């Protein structure tokens, strides 16, 4: 493939970067990495084989940005509403998306011989592995480095290492969060910052992981909480939820809300809980005070239970699982 971007973005460079001075070698093959790259996928639902777009950034004086729309195979096309911060595929996706086989060829040509970096690299690795398994294909022989693990080593003690939190802490601009191009460019800048802080070449910051050459296909409904499923809201929010304020039992609490508990749209929950002074978590963590779910995503419930087991083992108070009506009762105290 030439140095042209797959779907050129405005202002994207066509320059092919030269190889850097790279010290790390592939432990298995004993071959130096020709260079490195950064990738990010966005998915339609929680199954990794549902990726609908990808962006690759290749380093250089004028970095190349390669963007690609992907059409997942059936049954992975089913969409799930991730929430207001996660955009749906734009109109041009229907016209420009290529199937996974073609996407694999294009991405492999860009990434072959490079150390591939991603924020939470296990997820990006899972996209390659599960998409290949779904089509009885062999994943490409790629090595990955995780910028979450890198960030924990380079900047210990920050507390939060999600891409958004790191961008805010390190003043890295990301005007298009939760889209593959915005997140890939931000991760690229994160890797450069870490290398600058550590006075080394970027690949030296990583202990690479190799893709599984023979991954087992994870069935859509087996362990991927919320895959293509979400209980639709069945009732409107009570009128008093608009009057919720910051004084009451939920102020300062961290609450994970999964789905549409009690049939009330999650956006209504998020807005009301935010006005009540609570922090609404997007994923269950060991820092949560409360957990409330519509019961549709068993994987989330399992993670909640695992987190509580860890807290109890460490002598910490477990989070409380609230039924929707119980959470409504606590929230109503903020509207008094």
Foldseek 3Di string as FASTA:
>chain_A
DALDAPDDDVPFDSDDAAFDPFDDADPVPRHTQSEAKEKDFFAQALQLLRTQKMWIWGDHPRIGIHIAGAHGDPPRPQGDDLDDLADDDDPCSVVGHDYPVVVQVVVCVVQPSHAYEYAPVVSVLSNQQQNCQVVVHFRDWHKYFHVLVLCCVQPPPPPDRDLVSVCVVVVQDQPRPNDTRSRRVSVVVSLVVSCVSVVHDSVVSGDIDTRDRHDHHDDQQHLRFPRSDADAQDDEDDPLLVQFAQDFDQAPFEEEEEGAAPSYGVVSVCVSSVRNNYHYDSADALRHQEYEYNPRTVNRVVVLVVSQVVQVVVVHHRHYYDHPVRVVVRSSVRSD
